[in-house]
Amino acid sequence: MNPAAIAFLTCLFVFSAQGLPANRSNKCKCLDGYIEHIRPQSIKAVRAVHLPNIFCLHTEIIITTTANKDKCVDPKSKIGKLILNNMNKQKKNGAMSTTTASSSTRLYTTSRL
């Protein structure tokens, strides 16, 4: 095969592979269903919020519980709406706060509910 053709096919393959998402699979993450009721005290962290996209048409909220288990929260439930509202507020406010300690300025990100 011609070296120019091999180089062209290699470039074509590399550029087409760059358009694929690296960390998203082609399916929804919350296939086992949602939990609707959970105590806020048992939420350790909000691991991910996936908005609807071409791979999954549903909003998915994945939390980590204090028992270190990942659970999917129903976005239409009370706690799901609270998480989404807090996420929107953080986006609106920039989710950053500045703290001045002695003569230096440090930036801290906040990810609390």
C-alpha atoms as a PDB file:
ATOM      1  CA  MET A   1       0.000   0.000   0.000  1.00  0.00           C
ATOM      2  CA  ASN A   2       1.177   3.504  -0.755  1.00  0.00           C
ATOM      3  CA  PRO A   3       2.745   5.319   2.263  1.00  0.00           C
ATOM      4  CA  ALA A   4       0.674   8.428   1.491  1.00  0.00           C
ATOM      5  CA  ALA A   5      -2.512   6.354   1.604  1.00  0.00           C
ATOM      6  CA  ILE A   6      -1.485   4.821   4.932  1.00  0.00           C
ATOM      7  CA  ALA A   7      -0.773   8.284   6.361  1.00  0.00           C
ATOM      8  CA  PHE A   8      -4.125   9.567   5.090  1.00  0.00           C
ATOM      9  CA  LEU A   9      -6.051   6.645   6.593  1.00  0.00           C
ATOM     10  CA  THR A  10      -4.207   7.049   9.906  1.00  0.00           C
ATOM     11  CA  CYS A  11      -5.082  10.762  10.073  1.00  0.00           C
ATOM     12  CA  LEU A  12      -8.678  10.003   9.158  1.00  0.00           C
ATOM     13  CA  PHE A  13      -8.907   7.405  11.929  1.00  0.00           C
ATOM     14  CA  VAL A  14      -7.345   9.723  14.543  1.00  0.00           C
ATOM     15  CA  PHE A  15      -9.628  12.650  13.710  1.00  0.00           C
ATOM     16  CA  SER A  16     -12.768  10.504  13.707  1.00  0.00           C
ATOM     17  CA  ALA A  17     -11.834   8.944  17.058  1.00  0.00           C
ATOM     18  CA  GLN A  18     -11.433  12.385  18.656  1.00  0.00           C
ATOM     19  CA  GLY A  19     -15.123  13.106  18.112  1.00  0.00           C
ATOM     20  CA  LEU A  20     -16.209  10.203  20.332  1.00  0.00           C
ATOM     21  CA  PRO A  21     -16.906  10.898  24.006  1.00  0.00           C
ATOM     22  CA  ALA A  22     -14.267   9.363  26.239  1.00  0.00           C
ATOM     23  CA  ASN A  23     -16.184   8.903  29.486  1.00  0.00           C
ATOM     24  CA  ARG A  24     -19.764   8.387  28.362  1.00  0.00           C
ATOM     25  CA  SER A  25     -21.104   5.082  27.208  1.00  0.00           C
ATOM     26  CA  ASN A  26     -23.904   4.836  24.699  1.00  0.00           C
ATOM     27  CA  LYS A  27     -26.576   4.144  27.276  1.00  0.00           C
ATOM     28  CA  CYS A  28     -28.210   5.563  30.346  1.00  0.00           C
ATOM     29  CA  LYS A  29     -26.470   5.044  33.685  1.00  0.00           C
ATOM     30  CA  CYS A  30     -29.627   4.617  35.777  1.00  0.00           C
ATOM     31  CA  LEU A  31     -31.072   1.490  34.179  1.00  0.00           C
ATOM     32  CA  ASP A  32     -31.912  -0.164  37.523  1.00  0.00           C
ATOM     33  CA  GLY A  33     -34.399   2.553  38.419  1.00  0.00           C
ATOM     34  CA  TYR A  34     -34.473   5.540  40.703  1.00  0.00           C
ATOM     35  CA  ILE A  35     -34.846   6.009  44.418  1.00  0.00           C
ATOM     36  CA  GLU A  36     -37.417   8.627  45.316  1.00  0.00           C
ATOM     37  CA  HIS A  37     -36.988   8.926  49.072  1.00  0.00           C
ATOM     38  CA  ILE A  38     -33.660   9.284  50.831  1.00  0.00           C
ATOM     39  CA  ARG A  39     -32.651  11.160  53.935  1.00  0.00           C
ATOM     40  CA  PRO A  40     -30.340  14.084  53.114  1.00  0.00           C
ATOM     41  CA  GLN A  41     -28.080  12.954  55.985  1.00  0.00           C
ATOM     42  CA  SER A  42     -27.344   9.708  54.168  1.00  0.00           C
ATOM     43  CA  ILE A  43     -26.012  11.497  51.068  1.00  0.00           C
ATOM     44  CA  LYS A  44     -22.244  11.607  51.113  1.00  0.00           C
ATOM     45  CA  ALA A  45     -21.755  13.345  47.749  1.00  0.00           C
ATOM     46  CA  VAL A  46     -23.411  14.065  44.434  1.00  0.00           C
ATOM     47  CA  ARG A  47     -21.202  12.056  42.118  1.00  0.00           C
ATOM     48  CA  ALA A  48     -22.644  13.147  38.774  1.00  0.00           C
ATOM     49  CA  VAL A  49     -25.547  14.920  37.157  1.00  0.00           C
ATOM     50  CA  HIS A  50     -26.040  13.900  33.533  1.00  0.00           C
ATOM     51  CA  LEU A  51     -28.413  16.118  31.604  1.00  0.00           C
ATOM     52  CA  PRO A  52     -30.315  14.707  28.622  1.00  0.00           C
ATOM     53  CA  ASN A  53     -28.148  14.150  25.537  1.00  0.00           C
ATOM     54  CA  ILE A  54     -28.065  12.008  22.414  1.00  0.00           C
ATOM     55  CA  PHE A  55     -27.003   8.923  24.383  1.00  0.00           C
ATOM     56  CA  CYS A  56     -29.650   9.137  27.098  1.00  0.00           C
ATOM     57  CA  LEU A  57     -32.806  11.224  26.932  1.00  0.00           C
ATOM     58  CA  HIS A  58     -33.275  11.326  30.717  1.00  0.00           C
ATOM     59  CA  THR A  59     -31.778  13.518  33.417  1.00  0.00           C
ATOM     60  CA  GLU A  60     -29.693  11.298  35.685  1.00  0.00           C
ATOM     61  CA  ILE A  61     -28.556  12.224  39.188  1.00  0.00           C
ATOM     62  CA  ILE A  62     -26.072   9.792  40.716  1.00  0.00           C
ATOM     63  CA  ILE A  63     -25.238  10.156  44.408  1.00  0.00           C
ATOM     64  CA  THR A  64     -22.908   8.341  46.772  1.00  0.00           C
ATOM     65  CA  THR A  65     -24.460   7.337  50.083  1.00  0.00           C
ATOM     66  CA  THR A  66     -22.716   7.222  53.433  1.00  0.00           C
ATOM     67  CA  ALA A  67     -22.532   3.439  52.931  1.00  0.00           C
ATOM     68  CA  ASN A  68     -20.368   4.131  49.816  1.00  0.00           C
ATOM     69  CA  LYS A  69     -23.031   2.895  47.405  1.00  0.00           C
ATOM     70  CA  ASP A  70     -23.955   4.721  44.217  1.00  0.00           C
ATOM     71  CA  LYS A  71     -27.674   5.352  43.796  1.00  0.00           C
ATOM     72  CA  CYS A  72     -29.732   7.091  41.145  1.00  0.00           C
ATOM     73  CA  VAL A  73     -32.101   9.772  42.406  1.00  0.00           C
ATOM     74  CA  ASP A  74     -35.342  10.521  40.595  1.00  0.00           C
ATOM     75  CA  PRO A  75     -34.972  14.073  39.207  1.00  0.00           C
ATOM     76  CA  LYS A  76     -38.707  14.637  39.730  1.00  0.00           C
ATOM     77  CA  SER A  77     -38.537  13.761  43.436  1.00  0.00           C
ATOM     78  CA  LYS A  78     -38.148  16.364  46.159  1.00  0.00           C
ATOM     79  CA  ILE A  79     -34.450  15.623  46.741  1.00  0.00           C
ATOM     80  CA  GLY A  80     -33.792  15.420  42.986  1.00  0.00           C
ATOM     81  CA  LYS A  81     -35.297  18.862  42.429  1.00  0.00           C
ATOM     82  CA  LEU A  82     -33.239  20.213  45.326  1.00  0.00           C
ATOM     83  CA  ILE A  83     -30.018  18.836  43.823  1.00  0.00           C
ATOM     84  CA  LEU A  84     -30.837  20.290  40.394  1.00  0.00           C
ATOM     85  CA  ASN A  85     -31.735  23.677  41.886  1.00  0.00           C
ATOM     86  CA  ASN A  86     -28.471  23.775  43.844  1.00  0.00           C
ATOM     87  CA  MET A  87     -26.537  22.798  40.735  1.00  0.00           C
ATOM     88  CA  ASN A  88     -28.171  25.633  38.782  1.00  0.00           C
ATOM     89  CA  LYS A  89     -27.394  28.103  41.579  1.00  0.00           C
ATOM     90  CA  GLN A  90     -23.748  27.019  41.607  1.00  0.00           C
ATOM     91  CA  LYS A  91     -23.499  27.490  37.835  1.00  0.00           C
ATOM     92  CA  LYS A  92     -25.117  30.911  38.147  1.00  0.00           C
ATOM     93  CA  ASN A  93     -22.797  32.002  40.971  1.00  0.00           C
ATOM     94  CA  GLY A  94     -19.674  30.478  39.416  1.00  0.00           C
ATOM     95  CA  ALA A  95     -19.348  27.927  42.273  1.00  0.00           C
ATOM     96  CA  MET A  96     -16.209  29.614  43.522  1.00  0.00           C
ATOM     97  CA  SER A  97     -15.482  31.578  46.620  1.00  0.00           C
ATOM     98  CA  THR A  98     -12.334  33.467  47.487  1.00  0.00           C
ATOM     99  CA  THR A  99     -10.647  33.460  50.861  1.00  0.00           C
ATOM    100  CA  THR A 100      -7.802  35.759  51.808  1.00  0.00           C
ATOM    101  CA  ALA A 101      -5.272  34.288  54.227  1.00  0.00           C
ATOM    102  CA  SER A 102      -2.393  36.571  55.265  1.00  0.00           C
ATOM    103  CA  SER A 103      -1.063  37.964  51.980  1.00  0.00           C
ATOM    104  CA  SER A 104      -2.201  35.250  49.571  1.00  0.00           C
ATOM    105  CA  THR A 105      -5.522  34.642  47.888  1.00  0.00           C
ATOM    106  CA  ARG A 106      -6.752  31.073  47.535  1.00  0.00           C
ATOM    107  CA  LEU A 107      -9.643  29.799  45.483  1.00  0.00           C
ATOM    108  CA  TYR A 108     -11.844  27.033  46.833  1.00  0.00           C
ATOM    109  CA  THR A 109     -14.543  25.237  44.951  1.00  0.00           C
ATOM    110  CA  THR A 110     -17.658  24.172  46.760  1.00  0.00           C
ATOM    111  CA  SER A 111     -19.663  21.091  45.930  1.00  0.00           C
ATOM    112  CA  ARG A 112     -22.042  20.857  48.863  1.00  0.00           C
ATOM    113  CA  LEU A 113     -25.771  20.472  48.491  1.00  0.00           C
END
